[in-house]
mmCIF file of all heavy atoms, coordinates in Angstrom:
data_MODEL
# 
_entry.id   MODEL 
# 
loop_
_atom_site.group_PDB 
_atom_site.id 
_atom_site.type_symbol 
_atom_site.label_atom_id 
_atom_site.label_alt_id 
_atom_site.label_comp_id 
_atom_site.label_asym_id 
_atom_site.label_entity_id 
_atom_site.label_seq_id 
_atom_site.pdbx_PDB_ins_code 
_atom_site.Cartn_x 
_atom_site.Cartn_y 
_atom_site.Cartn_z 
_atom_site.occupancy 
_atom_site.B_iso_or_equiv 
_atom_site.pdbx_formal_charge 
_atom_site.auth_seq_id 
_atom_site.auth_comp_id 
_atom_site.auth_asym_id 
_atom_site.auth_atom_id 
_atom_site.pdbx_PDB_model_num 
ATOM 1   N N   . MET A 1 1  ? -6.923 1.717  0.445  1.00 0.00 ? 1  MET A N   1 
ATOM 2   C CA  . MET A 1 1  ? -6.006 2.189  -0.593 1.00 0.00 ? 1  MET A CA  1 
ATOM 3   C C   . MET A 1 1  ? -4.933 3.106  -0.009 1.00 0.00 ? 1  MET A C   1 
ATOM 4   O O   . MET A 1 1  ? -3.755 3.031  -0.346 1.00 0.00 ? 1  MET A O   1 
ATOM 5   C CB  . MET A 1 1  ? -6.808 2.936  -1.653 1.00 0.00 ? 1  MET A CB  1 
ATOM 6   C CG  . MET A 1 1  ? -6.032 3.187  -2.924 1.00 0.00 ? 1  MET A CG  1 
ATOM 7   S SD  . MET A 1 1  ? -5.730 1.664  -3.814 1.00 0.00 ? 1  MET A SD  1 
ATOM 8   C CE  . MET A 1 1  ? -4.899 2.297  -5.266 1.00 0.00 ? 1  MET A CE  1 
ATOM 9   N N   . ARG A 1 2  ? -5.392 3.973  0.906  1.00 0.00 ? 2  ARG A N   1 
ATOM 10  C CA  . ARG A 1 2  ? -4.448 4.897  1.537  1.00 0.00 ? 2  ARG A CA  1 
ATOM 11  C C   . ARG A 1 2  ? -3.413 4.138  2.340  1.00 0.00 ? 2  ARG A C   1 
ATOM 12  O O   . ARG A 1 2  ? -2.232 4.476  2.349  1.00 0.00 ? 2  ARG A O   1 
ATOM 13  C CB  . ARG A 1 2  ? -5.208 5.872  2.428  1.00 0.00 ? 2  ARG A CB  1 
ATOM 14  C CG  . ARG A 1 2  ? -4.321 6.917  3.082  1.00 0.00 ? 2  ARG A CG  1 
ATOM 15  C CD  . ARG A 1 2  ? -5.108 7.835  3.965  1.00 0.00 ? 2  ARG A CD  1 
ATOM 16  N NE  . ARG A 1 2  ? -4.235 8.783  4.611  1.00 0.00 ? 2  ARG A NE  1 
ATOM 17  C CZ  . ARG A 1 2  ? -4.624 9.643  5.538  1.00 0.00 ? 2  ARG A CZ  1 
ATOM 18  N NH1 . ARG A 1 2  ? -5.931 9.657  5.919  1.00 0.00 ? 2  ARG A NH1 1 
ATOM 19  N NH2 . ARG A 1 2  ? -3.788 10.497 6.074  1.00 0.00 ? 2  ARG A NH2 1 
ATOM 20  N N   . GLY A 1 3  ? -3.890 3.067  3.042  1.00 0.00 ? 3  GLY A N   1 
ATOM 21  C CA  . GLY A 1 3  ? -2.961 2.273  3.836  1.00 0.00 ? 3  GLY A CA  1 
ATOM 22  C C   . GLY A 1 3  ? -1.905 1.621  2.974  1.00 0.00 ? 3  GLY A C   1 
ATOM 23  O O   . GLY A 1 3  ? -0.741 1.518  3.351  1.00 0.00 ? 3  GLY A O   1 
ATOM 24  N N   . LYS A 1 4  ? -2.321 1.168  1.775  1.00 0.00 ? 4  LYS A N   1 
ATOM 25  C CA  . LYS A 1 4  ? -1.359 0.536  0.860  1.00 0.00 ? 4  LYS A CA  1 
ATOM 26  C C   . LYS A 1 4  ? -0.310 1.541  0.391  1.00 0.00 ? 4  LYS A C   1 
ATOM 27  O O   . LYS A 1 4  ? 0.873  1.213  0.287  1.00 0.00 ? 4  LYS A O   1 
ATOM 28  C CB  . LYS A 1 4  ? -2.116 -0.029 -0.340 1.00 0.00 ? 4  LYS A CB  1 
ATOM 29  C CG  . LYS A 1 4  ? -1.234 -0.834 -1.291 1.00 0.00 ? 4  LYS A CG  1 
ATOM 30  C CD  . LYS A 1 4  ? -2.061 -1.434 -2.413 1.00 0.00 ? 4  LYS A CD  1 
ATOM 31  C CE  . LYS A 1 4  ? -1.177 -2.234 -3.364 1.00 0.00 ? 4  LYS A CE  1 
ATOM 32  N NZ  . LYS A 1 4  ? -1.967 -2.842 -4.469 1.00 0.00 ? 4  LYS A NZ  1 
ATOM 33  N N   . LYS A 1 5  ? -0.731 2.782  0.107  1.00 0.00 ? 5  LYS A N   1 
ATOM 34  C CA  . LYS A 1 5  ? 0.204  3.814  -0.308 1.00 0.00 ? 5  LYS A CA  1 
ATOM 35  C C   . LYS A 1 5  ? 1.203  4.135  0.792  1.00 0.00 ? 5  LYS A C   1 
ATOM 36  O O   . LYS A 1 5  ? 2.405  4.307  0.557  1.00 0.00 ? 5  LYS A O   1 
ATOM 37  C CB  . LYS A 1 5  ? -0.549 5.081  -0.709 1.00 0.00 ? 5  LYS A CB  1 
ATOM 38  C CG  . LYS A 1 5  ? -1.302 4.961  -2.031 1.00 0.00 ? 5  LYS A CG  1 
ATOM 39  C CD  . LYS A 1 5  ? -1.954 6.286  -2.376 1.00 0.00 ? 5  LYS A CD  1 
ATOM 40  C CE  . LYS A 1 5  ? -2.679 6.183  -3.742 1.00 0.00 ? 5  LYS A CE  1 
ATOM 41  N NZ  . LYS A 1 5  ? -3.326 7.478  -4.085 1.00 0.00 ? 5  LYS A NZ  1 
ATOM 42  N N   . LEU A 1 6  ? 0.693  4.206  2.040  1.00 0.00 ? 6  LEU A N   1 
ATOM 43  C CA  . LEU A 1 6  ? 1.568  4.499  3.166  1.00 0.00 ? 6  LEU A CA  1 
ATOM 44  C C   . LEU A 1 6  ? 2.583  3.375  3.347  1.00 0.00 ? 6  LEU A C   1 
ATOM 45  O O   . LEU A 1 6  ? 3.765  3.626  3.626  1.00 0.00 ? 6  LEU A O   1 
ATOM 46  C CB  . LEU A 1 6  ? 0.747  4.685  4.444  1.00 0.00 ? 6  LEU A CB  1 
ATOM 47  C CG  . LEU A 1 6  ? -0.093 5.966  4.517  1.00 0.00 ? 6  LEU A CG  1 
ATOM 48  C CD1 . LEU A 1 6  ? -0.957 5.934  5.770  1.00 0.00 ? 6  LEU A CD1 1 
ATOM 49  C CD2 . LEU A 1 6  ? 0.830  7.192  4.524  1.00 0.00 ? 6  LEU A CD2 1 
ATOM 50  N N   . ALA A 1 7  ? 2.108  2.138  3.182  1.00 0.00 ? 7  ALA A N   1 
ATOM 51  C CA  . ALA A 1 7  ? 3.029  1.012  3.302  1.00 0.00 ? 7  ALA A CA  1 
ATOM 52  C C   . ALA A 1 7  ? 4.104  1.039  2.226  1.00 0.00 ? 7  ALA A C   1 
ATOM 53  O O   . ALA A 1 7  ? 5.272  0.780  2.482  1.00 0.00 ? 7  ALA A O   1 
ATOM 54  C CB  . ALA A 1 7  ? 2.246  -0.293 3.238  1.00 0.00 ? 7  ALA A CB  1 
ATOM 55  N N   . THR A 1 8  ? 3.685  1.376  1.004  1.00 0.00 ? 8  THR A N   1 
ATOM 56  C CA  . THR A 1 8  ? 4.641  1.453  -0.099 1.00 0.00 ? 8  THR A CA  1 
ATOM 57  C C   . THR A 1 8  ? 5.672  2.537  0.159  1.00 0.00 ? 8  THR A C   1 
ATOM 58  O O   . THR A 1 8  ? 6.869  2.354  -0.071 1.00 0.00 ? 8  THR A O   1 
ATOM 59  C CB  . THR A 1 8  ? 3.921  1.749  -1.417 1.00 0.00 ? 8  THR A CB  1 
ATOM 60  O OG1 . THR A 1 8  ? 2.941  0.705  -1.667 1.00 0.00 ? 8  THR A OG1 1 
ATOM 61  C CG2 . THR A 1 8  ? 4.887  1.813  -2.576 1.00 0.00 ? 8  THR A CG2 1 
ATOM 62  N N   . ARG A 1 9  ? 5.201  3.686  0.649  1.00 0.00 ? 9  ARG A N   1 
ATOM 63  C CA  . ARG A 1 9  ? 6.128  4.759  0.963  1.00 0.00 ? 9  ARG A CA  1 
ATOM 64  C C   . ARG A 1 9  ? 7.095  4.349  2.075  1.00 0.00 ? 9  ARG A C   1 
ATOM 65  O O   . ARG A 1 9  ? 8.278  4.680  2.025  1.00 0.00 ? 9  ARG A O   1 
ATOM 66  C CB  . ARG A 1 9  ? 5.346  6.011  1.388  1.00 0.00 ? 9  ARG A CB  1 
ATOM 67  C CG  . ARG A 1 9  ? 4.588  6.691  0.253  1.00 0.00 ? 9  ARG A CG  1 
ATOM 68  C CD  . ARG A 1 9  ? 3.786  7.852  0.784  1.00 0.00 ? 9  ARG A CD  1 
ATOM 69  N NE  . ARG A 1 9  ? 2.999  8.488  -0.263 1.00 0.00 ? 9  ARG A NE  1 
ATOM 70  C CZ  . ARG A 1 9  ? 2.117  9.453  -0.047 1.00 0.00 ? 9  ARG A CZ  1 
ATOM 71  N NH1 . ARG A 1 9  ? 1.904  9.892  1.208  1.00 0.00 ? 9  ARG A NH1 1 
ATOM 72  N NH2 . ARG A 1 9  ? 1.429  9.988  -1.049 1.00 0.00 ? 9  ARG A NH2 1 
ATOM 73  N N   . GLY A 1 10 ? 6.549  3.645  3.043  1.00 0.00 ? 10 GLY A N   1 
ATOM 74  C CA  . GLY A 1 10 ? 7.400  3.185  4.140  1.00 0.00 ? 10 GLY A CA  1 
ATOM 75  C C   . GLY A 1 10 ? 8.483  2.245  3.661  1.00 0.00 ? 10 GLY A C   1 
ATOM 76  O O   . GLY A 1 10 ? 9.629  2.333  4.068  1.00 0.00 ? 10 GLY A O   1 
ATOM 77  N N   . ILE A 1 11 ? 8.114  1.330  2.756  1.00 0.00 ? 11 ILE A N   1 
ATOM 78  C CA  . ILE A 1 11 ? 9.073  0.388  2.207  1.00 0.00 ? 11 ILE A CA  1 
ATOM 79  C C   . ILE A 1 11 ? 10.144 1.114  1.402  1.00 0.00 ? 11 ILE A C   1 
ATOM 80  O O   . ILE A 1 11 ? 11.343 0.824  1.504  1.00 0.00 ? 11 ILE A O   1 
ATOM 81  C CB  . ILE A 1 11 ? 8.364  -0.676 1.339  1.00 0.00 ? 11 ILE A CB  1 
ATOM 82  C CG1 . ILE A 1 11 ? 7.488  -1.579 2.211  1.00 0.00 ? 11 ILE A CG1 1 
ATOM 83  C CG2 . ILE A 1 11 ? 9.375  -1.506 0.574  1.00 0.00 ? 11 ILE A CG2 1 
ATOM 84  C CD1 . ILE A 1 11 ? 6.607  -2.501 1.445  1.00 0.00 ? 11 ILE A CD1 1 
ATOM 85  N N   . ARG A 1 12 ? 9.690  2.080  0.598  1.00 0.00 ? 12 ARG A N   1 
ATOM 86  C CA  . ARG A 1 12 ? 10.652 2.853  -0.204 1.00 0.00 ? 12 ARG A CA  1 
ATOM 87  C C   . ARG A 1 12 ? 11.596 3.653  0.685  1.00 0.00 ? 12 ARG A C   1 
ATOM 88  O O   . ARG A 1 12 ? 12.808 3.761  0.415  1.00 0.00 ? 12 ARG A O   1 
ATOM 89  C CB  . ARG A 1 12 ? 9.904  3.779  -1.154 1.00 0.00 ? 12 ARG A CB  1 
ATOM 90  C CG  . ARG A 1 12 ? 9.196  3.068  -2.312 1.00 0.00 ? 12 ARG A CG  1 
ATOM 91  C CD  . ARG A 1 12 ? 8.412  4.041  -3.139 1.00 0.00 ? 12 ARG A CD  1 
ATOM 92  N NE  . ARG A 1 12 ? 7.785  3.386  -4.282 1.00 0.00 ? 12 ARG A NE  1 
ATOM 93  C CZ  . ARG A 1 12 ? 6.920  3.983  -5.090 1.00 0.00 ? 12 ARG A CZ  1 
ATOM 94  N NH1 . ARG A 1 12 ? 6.562  5.264  -4.879 1.00 0.00 ? 12 ARG A NH1 1 
ATOM 95  N NH2 . ARG A 1 12 ? 6.393  3.302  -6.108 1.00 0.00 ? 12 ARG A NH2 1 
ATOM 96  N N   . PHE A 1 13 ? 11.045 4.229  1.746  1.00 0.00 ? 13 PHE A N   1 
ATOM 97  C CA  . PHE A 1 13 ? 11.880 5.011  2.668  1.00 0.00 ? 13 PHE A CA  1 
ATOM 98  C C   . PHE A 1 13 ? 12.913 4.119  3.336  1.00 0.00 ? 13 PHE A C   1 
ATOM 99  O O   . PHE A 1 13 ? 14.091 4.476  3.442  1.00 0.00 ? 13 PHE A O   1 
ATOM 100 C CB  . PHE A 1 13 ? 11.001 5.688  3.714  1.00 0.00 ? 13 PHE A CB  1 
ATOM 101 C CG  . PHE A 1 13 ? 11.790 6.426  4.771  1.00 0.00 ? 13 PHE A CG  1 
ATOM 102 C CD1 . PHE A 1 13 ? 12.296 7.691  4.495  1.00 0.00 ? 13 PHE A CD1 1 
ATOM 103 C CD2 . PHE A 1 13 ? 12.019 5.869  6.006  1.00 0.00 ? 13 PHE A CD2 1 
ATOM 104 C CE1 . PHE A 1 13 ? 13.031 8.372  5.443  1.00 0.00 ? 13 PHE A CE1 1 
ATOM 105 C CE2 . PHE A 1 13 ? 12.753 6.546  6.975  1.00 0.00 ? 13 PHE A CE2 1 
ATOM 106 C CZ  . PHE A 1 13 ? 13.249 7.817  6.688  1.00 0.00 ? 13 PHE A CZ  1 
ATOM 107 N N   . ALA A 1 14 ? 12.460 2.924  3.804  1.00 0.00 ? 14 ALA A N   1 
ATOM 108 C CA  . ALA A 1 14 ? 13.378 1.998  4.451  1.00 0.00 ? 14 ALA A CA  1 
ATOM 109 C C   . ALA A 1 14 ? 14.467 1.532  3.484  1.00 0.00 ? 14 ALA A C   1 
ATOM 110 O O   . ALA A 1 14 ? 15.644 1.454  3.846  1.00 0.00 ? 14 ALA A O   1 
ATOM 111 C CB  . ALA A 1 14 ? 12.611 0.805  4.998  1.00 0.00 ? 14 ALA A CB  1 
ATOM 112 N N   . ALA A 1 15 ? 14.045 1.241  2.257  1.00 0.00 ? 15 ALA A N   1 
ATOM 113 C CA  . ALA A 1 15 ? 15.027 0.798  1.237  1.00 0.00 ? 15 ALA A CA  1 
ATOM 114 C C   . ALA A 1 15 ? 16.045 1.900  0.944  1.00 0.00 ? 15 ALA A C   1 
ATOM 115 O O   . ALA A 1 15 ? 17.234 1.662  0.809  1.00 0.00 ? 15 ALA A O   1 
ATOM 116 C CB  . ALA A 1 15 ? 14.308 0.383  -0.036 1.00 0.00 ? 15 ALA A CB  1 
ATOM 117 N N   . GLY A 1 16 ? 15.533 3.147  0.845  1.00 0.00 ? 16 GLY A N   1 
ATOM 118 C CA  . GLY A 1 16 ? 16.431 4.271  0.597  1.00 0.00 ? 16 GLY A CA  1 
ATOM 119 C C   . GLY A 1 16 ? 17.402 4.503  1.739  1.00 0.00 ? 16 GLY A C   1 
ATOM 120 O O   . GLY A 1 16 ? 18.581 4.788  1.526  1.00 0.00 ? 16 GLY A O   1 
ATOM 121 N N   . THR A 1 17 ? 16.886 4.353  2.961  1.00 0.00 ? 17 THR A N   1 
ATOM 122 C CA  . THR A 1 17 ? 17.747 4.518  4.142  1.00 0.00 ? 17 THR A CA  1 
ATOM 123 C C   . THR A 1 17 ? 18.833 3.451  4.179  1.00 0.00 ? 17 THR A C   1 
ATOM 124 O O   . THR A 1 17 ? 20.006 3.748  4.441  1.00 0.00 ? 17 THR A O   1 
ATOM 125 C CB  . THR A 1 17 ? 16.909 4.425  5.431  1.00 0.00 ? 17 THR A CB  1 
ATOM 126 O OG1 . THR A 1 17 ? 15.901 5.475  5.413  1.00 0.00 ? 17 THR A OG1 1 
ATOM 127 C CG2 . THR A 1 17 ? 17.784 4.599  6.661  1.00 0.00 ? 17 THR A CG2 1 
ATOM 128 N N   . LEU A 1 18 ? 18.443 2.209  3.900  1.00 0.00 ? 18 LEU A N   1 
ATOM 129 C CA  . LEU A 1 18 ? 19.433 1.106  3.889  1.00 0.00 ? 18 LEU A CA  1 
ATOM 130 C C   . LEU A 1 18 ? 20.467 1.311  2.785  1.00 0.00 ? 18 LEU A C   1 
ATOM 131 O O   . LEU A 1 18 ? 21.671 1.057  2.977  1.00 0.00 ? 18 LEU A O   1 
ATOM 132 C CB  . LEU A 1 18 ? 18.722 -0.233 3.708  1.00 0.00 ? 18 LEU A CB  1 
ATOM 133 C CG  . LEU A 1 18 ? 17.920 -0.740 4.897  1.00 0.00 ? 18 LEU A CG  1 
ATOM 134 C CD1 . LEU A 1 18 ? 17.139 -1.993 4.513  1.00 0.00 ? 18 LEU A CD1 1 
ATOM 135 C CD2 . LEU A 1 18 ? 18.839 -1.028 6.086  1.00 0.00 ? 18 LEU A CD2 1 
ATOM 136 N N   . ALA A 1 19 ? 20.007 1.782  1.626  1.00 0.00 ? 19 ALA A N   1 
ATOM 137 C CA  . ALA A 1 19 ? 20.943 2.012  0.516  1.00 0.00 ? 19 ALA A CA  1 
ATOM 138 C C   . ALA A 1 19 ? 21.926 3.120  0.872  1.00 0.00 ? 19 ALA A C   1 
ATOM 139 O O   . ALA A 1 19 ? 23.132 3.014  0.615  1.00 0.00 ? 19 ALA A O   1 
ATOM 140 C CB  . ALA A 1 19 ? 20.160 2.379  -0.742 1.00 0.00 ? 19 ALA A CB  1 
ATOM 141 N N   . THR A 1 20 ? 21.422 4.176  1.494  1.00 0.00 ? 20 THR A N   1 
ATOM 142 C CA  . THR A 1 20 ? 22.288 5.289  1.903  1.00 0.00 ? 20 THR A CA  1 
ATOM 143 C C   . THR A 1 20 ? 23.305 4.831  2.937  1.00 0.00 ? 20 THR A C   1 
ATOM 144 O O   . THR A 1 20 ? 24.495 5.162  2.883  1.00 0.00 ? 20 THR A O   1 
ATOM 145 C CB  . THR A 1 20 ? 21.453 6.448  2.467  1.00 0.00 ? 20 THR A CB  1 
ATOM 146 O OG1 . THR A 1 20 ? 20.528 6.890  1.474  1.00 0.00 ? 20 THR A OG1 1 
ATOM 147 C CG2 . THR A 1 20 ? 22.342 7.607  2.888  1.00 0.00 ? 20 THR A CG2 1 
ATOM 148 N N   . ALA A 1 21 ? 22.825 4.044  3.928  1.00 0.00 ? 21 ALA A N   1 
ATOM 149 C CA  . ALA A 1 21 ? 23.721 3.516  4.947  1.00 0.00 ? 21 ALA A CA  1 
ATOM 150 C C   . ALA A 1 21 ? 24.781 2.619  4.354  1.00 0.00 ? 21 ALA A C   1 
ATOM 151 O O   . ALA A 1 21 ? 25.948 2.644  4.733  1.00 0.00 ? 21 ALA A O   1 
ATOM 152 C CB  . ALA A 1 21 ? 22.916 2.763  6.004  1.00 0.00 ? 21 ALA A CB  1 
ATOM 153 N N   . GLY A 1 22 ? 24.345 1.793  3.355  1.00 0.00 ? 22 GLY A N   1 
ATOM 154 C CA  . GLY A 1 22 ? 25.298 0.904  2.698  1.00 0.00 ? 22 GLY A CA  1 
ATOM 155 C C   . GLY A 1 22 ? 26.371 1.662  1.944  1.00 0.00 ? 22 GLY A C   1 
ATOM 156 O O   . GLY A 1 22 ? 27.553 1.304  1.992  1.00 0.00 ? 22 GLY A O   1 
ATOM 157 N N   . LEU A 1 23 ? 25.968 2.723  1.251  1.00 0.00 ? 23 LEU A N   1 
ATOM 158 C CA  . LEU A 1 23 ? 26.937 3.541  0.535  1.00 0.00 ? 23 LEU A CA  1 
ATOM 159 C C   . LEU A 1 23 ? 27.890 4.256  1.489  1.00 0.00 ? 23 LEU A C   1 
ATOM 160 O O   . LEU A 1 23 ? 29.097 4.349  1.212  1.00 0.00 ? 23 LEU A O   1 
ATOM 161 C CB  . LEU A 1 23 ? 26.203 4.567  -0.330 1.00 0.00 ? 23 LEU A CB  1 
ATOM 162 C CG  . LEU A 1 23 ? 25.467 4.017  -1.569 1.00 0.00 ? 23 LEU A CG  1 
ATOM 163 C CD1 . LEU A 1 23 ? 24.640 5.124  -2.217 1.00 0.00 ? 23 LEU A CD1 1 
ATOM 164 C CD2 . LEU A 1 23 ? 26.473 3.444  -2.574 1.00 0.00 ? 23 LEU A CD2 1 
ATOM 165 N N   . ALA A 1 24 ? 27.356 4.747  2.608  1.00 0.00 ? 24 ALA A N   1 
ATOM 166 C CA  . ALA A 1 24 ? 28.185 5.420  3.590  1.00 0.00 ? 24 ALA A CA  1 
ATOM 167 C C   . ALA A 1 24 ? 29.198 4.444  4.193  1.00 0.00 ? 24 ALA A C   1 
ATOM 168 O O   . ALA A 1 24 ? 30.379 4.782  4.384  1.00 0.00 ? 24 ALA A O   1 
ATOM 169 C CB  . ALA A 1 24 ? 27.322 6.028  4.703  1.00 0.00 ? 24 ALA A CB  1 
ATOM 170 N N   . TYR A 1 25 ? 28.735 3.223  4.474  1.00 0.00 ? 25 TYR A N   1 
ATOM 171 C CA  . TYR A 1 25 ? 29.640 2.217  5.034  1.00 0.00 ? 25 TYR A CA  1 
ATOM 172 C C   . TYR A 1 25 ? 30.732 1.856  4.026  1.00 0.00 ? 25 TYR A C   1 
ATOM 173 O O   . TYR A 1 25 ? 31.921 1.744  4.370  1.00 0.00 ? 25 TYR A O   1 
ATOM 174 C CB  . TYR A 1 25 ? 28.849 0.964  5.413  1.00 0.00 ? 25 TYR A CB  1 
ATOM 175 C CG  . TYR A 1 25 ? 29.708 -0.189 5.887  1.00 0.00 ? 25 TYR A CG  1 
ATOM 176 C CD1 . TYR A 1 25 ? 30.210 -0.199 7.186  1.00 0.00 ? 25 TYR A CD1 1 
ATOM 177 C CD2 . TYR A 1 25 ? 30.019 -1.240 5.034  1.00 0.00 ? 25 TYR A CD2 1 
ATOM 178 C CE1 . TYR A 1 25 ? 31.005 -1.256 7.632  1.00 0.00 ? 25 TYR A CE1 1 
ATOM 179 C CE2 . TYR A 1 25 ? 30.805 -2.295 5.460  1.00 0.00 ? 25 TYR A CE2 1 
ATOM 180 C CZ  . TYR A 1 25 ? 31.300 -2.299 6.756  1.00 0.00 ? 25 TYR A CZ  1 
ATOM 181 O OH  . TYR A 1 25 ? 32.084 -3.330 7.198  1.00 0.00 ? 25 TYR A OH  1 
ATOM 182 N N   . ALA A 1 26 ? 30.355 1.681  2.758  1.00 0.00 ? 26 ALA A N   1 
ATOM 183 C CA  . ALA A 1 26 ? 31.332 1.351  1.723  1.00 0.00 ? 26 ALA A CA  1 
ATOM 184 C C   . ALA A 1 26 ? 32.368 2.471  1.573  1.00 0.00 ? 26 ALA A C   1 
ATOM 185 O O   . ALA A 1 26 ? 33.571 2.205  1.428  1.00 0.00 ? 26 ALA A O   1 
ATOM 186 C CB  . ALA A 1 26 ? 30.627 1.103  0.393  1.00 0.00 ? 26 ALA A CB  1 
# 
């Protein structure tokens, strides 16, 4: 269960980073 939470957090972090990078590029 803990591993699943860490994976979810990792995905959210990556998505947030990509979104931030996309906004900065735009």
